Amino acid sequence: MAQMVEAIRNNHWAPGSKLPGEKVLAETFGVSRACIREVLKALAYSGVLQAHPGQGTFLSEDADRILNGTRAGEIFSDSSYTELMEIRRLLEGQAAYWATERAEPGDLDHLEYILRGEERGESLNEVHDAFHNAIMEISGNRLLVRLLGSLRAEIVEQREFHYTILPDDDRREHWRVLEAMRTRNPQKAWEAMIRHVNYFWKKQYDAPPAPATYDE
């Protein structure tokens, strides 16, 4: 994240220009494609980048103004992995809560369509990212989307933990979140998402159990 922001500030790319693909960027900055992918998402959420399906990723005309107003990702830059995951529990749980309150029927059908992505040849990692991103979007809170985007980029930079998880576990947890959302009970959705985040955190760091109730 820091390298990308520095390159943008140093006019490595002109405003409005198209950025290289993930592979080239990963090689340029000496990181994995998974890390680059999360950083691009975080910068897109903040408005620094603009993703155009079928065309590529472009540097926003307002990138300078946005970066000068907010140093993307710096709020999380000196945090530990455990601290990041504790904040992720709060943000992901709240995103599921609001998404359940605000979702239209078509939104829930879209989440199911995403979860069936492997049947269409998509990778589990693509399905995982798309599912979580869609819930954030459905939550309707743009600041939450930006915070989670920056947070995830920092988590991936510290530890690419998603790739140590058994695929069947990831699939099962996602379906449980969607099933809770379909009940139209925000608290159940919140609890399902907290359990989901805790489950994968516990794989690495023995996370505390999910709380049983939601307190606003």
Protein backbone atom coordinates (compact mmCIF):
# COMPACT_ATOMS: atom_id res chain seq x y z
CA MET A 1 0.00 0.00 0.00
CA ALA A 2 2.75 2.44 1.01
CA GLN A 3 4.71 1.72 -2.18
CA MET A 4 1.68 2.20 -4.39
CA VAL A 5 0.72 5.46 -2.69
CA GLU A 6 4.28 6.74 -2.97
CA ALA A 7 4.40 5.87 -6.68
CA ILE A 8 1.14 7.73 -7.27
CA ARG A 9 2.37 10.78 -5.35
CA ASN A 10 5.56 10.76 -7.43
CA ASN A 11 3.48 10.84 -10.63
CA HIS A 12 4.55 7.36 -11.72
CA TRP A 13 1.22 7.23 -13.55
CA ALA A 14 -0.63 10.20 -15.00
CA PRO A 15 -4.12 10.99 -13.63
CA GLY A 16 -6.69 9.08 -15.64
CA SER A 17 -4.13 6.65 -17.06
CA LYS A 18 -4.48 2.87 -17.03
CA LEU A 19 -2.35 0.93 -14.55
CA PRO A 20 -0.42 -2.23 -15.49
CA GLY A 21 -1.97 -5.60 -14.69
CA GLU A 22 -1.69 -7.38 -11.34
CA LYS A 23 1.24 -9.55 -12.44
CA VAL A 24 3.34 -6.59 -13.57
CA LEU A 25 2.52 -4.59 -10.43
CA ALA A 26 3.37 -7.54 -8.19
CA GLU A 27 6.76 -7.91 -9.89
CA THR A 28 7.37 -4.15 -9.76
CA PHE A 29 6.76 -3.88 -6.02
CA GLY A 30 8.13 -7.30 -5.05
CA VAL A 31 4.93 -8.66 -3.49
CA SER A 32 2.42 -11.40 -4.26
CA ARG A 33 -0.48 -10.94 -6.66
CA ALA A 34 -2.85 -11.57 -3.74
CA CYS A 35 -1.34 -8.60 -1.89
CA ILE A 36 -1.56 -6.37 -4.98
CA ARG A 37 -5.17 -7.42 -5.52
CA GLU A 38 -6.17 -6.34 -2.02
CA VAL A 39 -4.26 -3.06 -2.26
CA LEU A 40 -5.96 -2.24 -5.58
CA LYS A 41 -9.35 -2.92 -3.99
CA ALA A 42 -8.56 -0.71 -1.01
CA LEU A 43 -7.43 2.16 -3.26
CA ALA A 44 -10.50 1.70 -5.44
CA TYR A 45 -12.78 1.87 -2.38
CA SER A 46 -11.11 5.13 -1.35
CA GLY A 47 -11.58 6.58 -4.86
CA VAL A 48 -7.86 6.74 -5.70
CA LEU A 49 -8.32 4.09 -8.40
CA GLN A 50 -11.25 3.29 -10.65
CA ALA A 51 -11.89 -0.26 -11.84
CA HIS A 52 -13.64 -0.61 -15.20
CA PRO A 53 -14.70 -4.22 -15.89
CA GLY A 54 -13.26 -5.44 -19.16
CA GLN A 55 -10.97 -2.42 -19.48
CA GLY A 56 -8.69 -2.44 -16.44
CA THR A 57 -7.84 -0.25 -13.48
CA PHE A 58 -7.27 3.48 -13.91
CA LEU A 59 -5.80 6.21 -11.71
CA SER A 60 -8.53 8.64 -10.69
CA GLU A 61 -8.33 12.24 -11.86
CA ASP A 62 -8.80 13.16 -8.18
CA ALA A 63 -6.14 10.78 -6.83
CA ASP A 64 -3.85 13.59 -5.63
CA ARG A 65 -6.62 15.37 -3.76
CA ILE A 66 -7.84 12.17 -2.12
CA LEU A 67 -4.36 11.08 -1.03
CA ASN A 68 -3.51 14.52 0.33
CA GLY A 69 -6.69 14.46 2.35
CA THR A 70 -6.32 10.91 3.63
CA ARG A 71 -3.20 8.77 3.64
CA ALA A 72 -4.83 5.50 2.65
CA GLY A 73 -3.99 2.61 4.91
CA GLU A 74 -1.71 4.54 7.28
CA ILE A 75 -4.21 4.25 10.12
CA PHE A 76 -3.52 0.49 10.18
CA SER A 77 0.15 0.49 9.16
CA ASP A 78 1.71 -0.07 12.60
CA SER A 79 -0.95 -2.43 13.94
CA SER A 80 -0.34 -6.06 14.90
CA TYR A 81 -2.10 -8.91 13.14
CA THR A 82 -4.22 -9.58 16.24
CA GLU A 83 -5.27 -5.92 16.45
CA LEU A 84 -6.23 -5.92 12.78
CA MET A 85 -8.33 -9.06 13.19
CA GLU A 86 -10.09 -7.64 16.26
CA ILE A 87 -11.10 -4.57 14.24
CA ARG A 88 -12.07 -6.76 11.30
CA ARG A 89 -14.53 -8.59 13.57
CA LEU A 90 -16.19 -5.28 14.40
CA LEU A 91 -16.37 -4.00 10.83
CA GLU A 92 -17.34 -7.27 9.09
CA GLY A 93 -19.98 -7.99 11.72
CA GLN A 94 -21.47 -4.52 11.36
CA ALA A 95 -21.43 -4.82 7.57
CA ALA A 96 -23.45 -8.05 7.79
CA TYR A 97 -25.86 -6.44 10.28
CA TRP A 98 -26.56 -3.40 8.08
CA ALA A 99 -26.63 -5.47 4.89
CA THR A 100 -29.35 -7.68 6.37
CA GLU A 101 -31.39 -4.63 7.35
CA ARG A 102 -30.98 -2.90 4.00
CA ALA A 103 -30.80 -5.74 1.46
CA GLU A 104 -33.33 -5.95 -1.33
CA PRO A 105 -34.50 -9.45 -2.33
CA GLY A 106 -32.31 -9.27 -5.41
CA ASP A 107 -29.25 -8.56 -3.25
CA LEU A 108 -29.62 -11.86 -1.41
CA ASP A 109 -30.08 -13.70 -4.70
CA HIS A 110 -26.90 -12.02 -5.95
CA LEU A 111 -25.00 -13.27 -2.89
CA GLU A 112 -26.16 -16.81 -3.65
CA TYR A 113 -25.07 -16.36 -7.27
CA ILE A 114 -21.61 -15.34 -6.03
CA LEU A 115 -21.35 -18.39 -3.77
CA ARG A 116 -22.08 -20.65 -6.75
CA GLY A 117 -19.16 -19.12 -8.63
CA GLU A 118 -17.04 -22.27 -8.43
CA GLU A 119 -19.70 -24.04 -10.50
CA ARG A 120 -18.88 -21.46 -13.20
CA GLY A 121 -15.16 -22.09 -12.96
CA GLU A 122 -14.24 -19.27 -10.56
CA SER A 123 -11.62 -19.91 -7.87
CA LEU A 124 -12.53 -20.11 -4.19
CA ASN A 125 -10.42 -17.01 -3.57
CA GLU A 126 -12.44 -15.06 -6.16
CA VAL A 127 -15.69 -16.25 -4.60
CA HIS A 128 -14.44 -15.36 -1.11
CA ASP A 129 -13.47 -11.81 -2.09
CA ALA A 130 -16.63 -11.20 -4.13
CA PHE A 131 -18.88 -12.41 -1.30
CA HIS A 132 -17.34 -10.17 1.35
CA ASN A 133 -17.17 -7.19 -1.01
CA ALA A 134 -20.84 -7.59 -1.95
CA ILE A 135 -21.90 -7.61 1.71
CA MET A 136 -19.94 -4.41 2.26
CA GLU A 137 -21.62 -2.77 -0.71
CA ILE A 138 -25.09 -3.89 0.40
CA SER A 139 -24.41 -2.41 3.85
CA GLY A 140 -24.71 0.98 2.16
CA ASN A 141 -22.01 2.69 4.26
CA ARG A 142 -19.23 4.05 2.04
CA LEU A 143 -16.91 4.83 4.96
CA LEU A 144 -17.22 1.25 6.21
CA VAL A 145 -16.35 0.00 2.72
CA ARG A 146 -13.21 2.17 2.64
CA LEU A 147 -12.10 1.21 6.13
CA LEU A 148 -12.52 -2.50 5.43
CA GLY A 149 -10.69 -2.16 2.12
CA SER A 150 -7.65 -0.59 3.78
CA LEU A 151 -7.82 -3.02 6.69
CA ARG A 152 -7.86 -6.07 4.45
CA ALA A 153 -4.91 -4.83 2.42
CA GLU A 154 -2.86 -4.51 5.60
CA ILE A 155 -3.95 -7.97 6.83
CA VAL A 156 -2.90 -9.60 3.56
CA GLU A 157 0.42 -7.76 3.66
CA GLN A 158 1.12 -9.15 7.12
CA ARG A 159 -0.08 -12.68 6.50
CA GLU A 160 -1.78 -14.30 3.54
CA PHE A 161 -3.94 -16.30 5.91
CA HIS A 162 -6.83 -17.06 3.55
CA TYR A 163 -4.66 -19.50 1.65
CA THR A 164 -4.03 -21.71 4.68
CA ILE A 165 -7.72 -22.49 5.15
CA LEU A 166 -9.42 -25.68 4.00
CA PRO A 167 -11.72 -24.84 1.05
CA ASP A 168 -14.69 -26.79 2.44
CA ASP A 169 -14.57 -24.76 5.66
CA ASP A 170 -14.61 -21.48 3.74
CA ARG A 171 -17.57 -22.57 1.62
CA ARG A 172 -19.57 -23.76 4.63
CA GLU A 173 -19.00 -20.55 6.61
CA HIS A 174 -20.11 -18.36 3.68
CA TRP A 175 -23.36 -20.29 3.25
CA ARG A 176 -24.09 -19.95 6.97
CA VAL A 177 -23.76 -16.18 6.71
CA LEU A 178 -26.13 -16.06 3.75
CA GLU A 179 -28.65 -18.35 5.46
CA ALA A 180 -28.63 -16.02 8.48
CA MET A 181 -29.18 -13.00 6.24
CA ARG A 182 -32.15 -14.70 4.57
CA THR A 183 -33.88 -14.87 7.97
CA ARG A 184 -33.93 -11.05 7.84
CA ASN A 185 -32.62 -11.04 11.40
CA PRO A 186 -29.65 -8.61 11.56
CA GLN A 187 -28.44 -10.02 14.87
CA LYS A 188 -28.25 -13.57 13.49
CA ALA A 189 -26.34 -12.29 10.45
CA TRP A 190 -23.98 -10.34 12.70
CA GLU A 191 -23.32 -13.42 14.84
CA ALA A 192 -22.78 -15.62 11.76
CA MET A 193 -20.21 -13.20 10.35
CA ILE A 194 -18.41 -12.91 13.70
CA ARG A 195 -18.23 -16.71 13.91
CA HIS A 196 -16.89 -16.79 10.36
CA VAL A 197 -14.09 -14.32 11.11
CA ASN A 198 -13.34 -15.97 14.45
CA TYR A 199 -13.13 -19.40 12.85
CA PHE A 200 -10.29 -18.44 10.54
CA TRP A 201 -8.58 -16.29 13.13
CA LYS A 202 -8.61 -19.22 15.54
CA LYS A 203 -6.81 -21.35 12.94
CA GLN A 204 -3.81 -19.10 13.48
CA TYR A 205 -4.17 -17.36 16.82
CA ASP A 206 -6.84 -19.11 18.91
CA ALA A 207 -9.39 -16.30 18.66
CA PRO A 208 -11.90 -15.73 21.48
CA PRO A 209 -15.36 -17.25 20.98
CA ALA A 210 -18.01 -15.16 19.24
CA PRO A 211 -20.32 -13.25 21.58
CA ALA A 212 -23.88 -14.50 21.73
CA THR A 213 -25.61 -11.15 21.53
CA TYR A 214 -25.35 -7.90 19.63
CA ASP A 215 -25.02 -4.60 21.50
CA GLU A 216 -25.48 -1.39 19.51
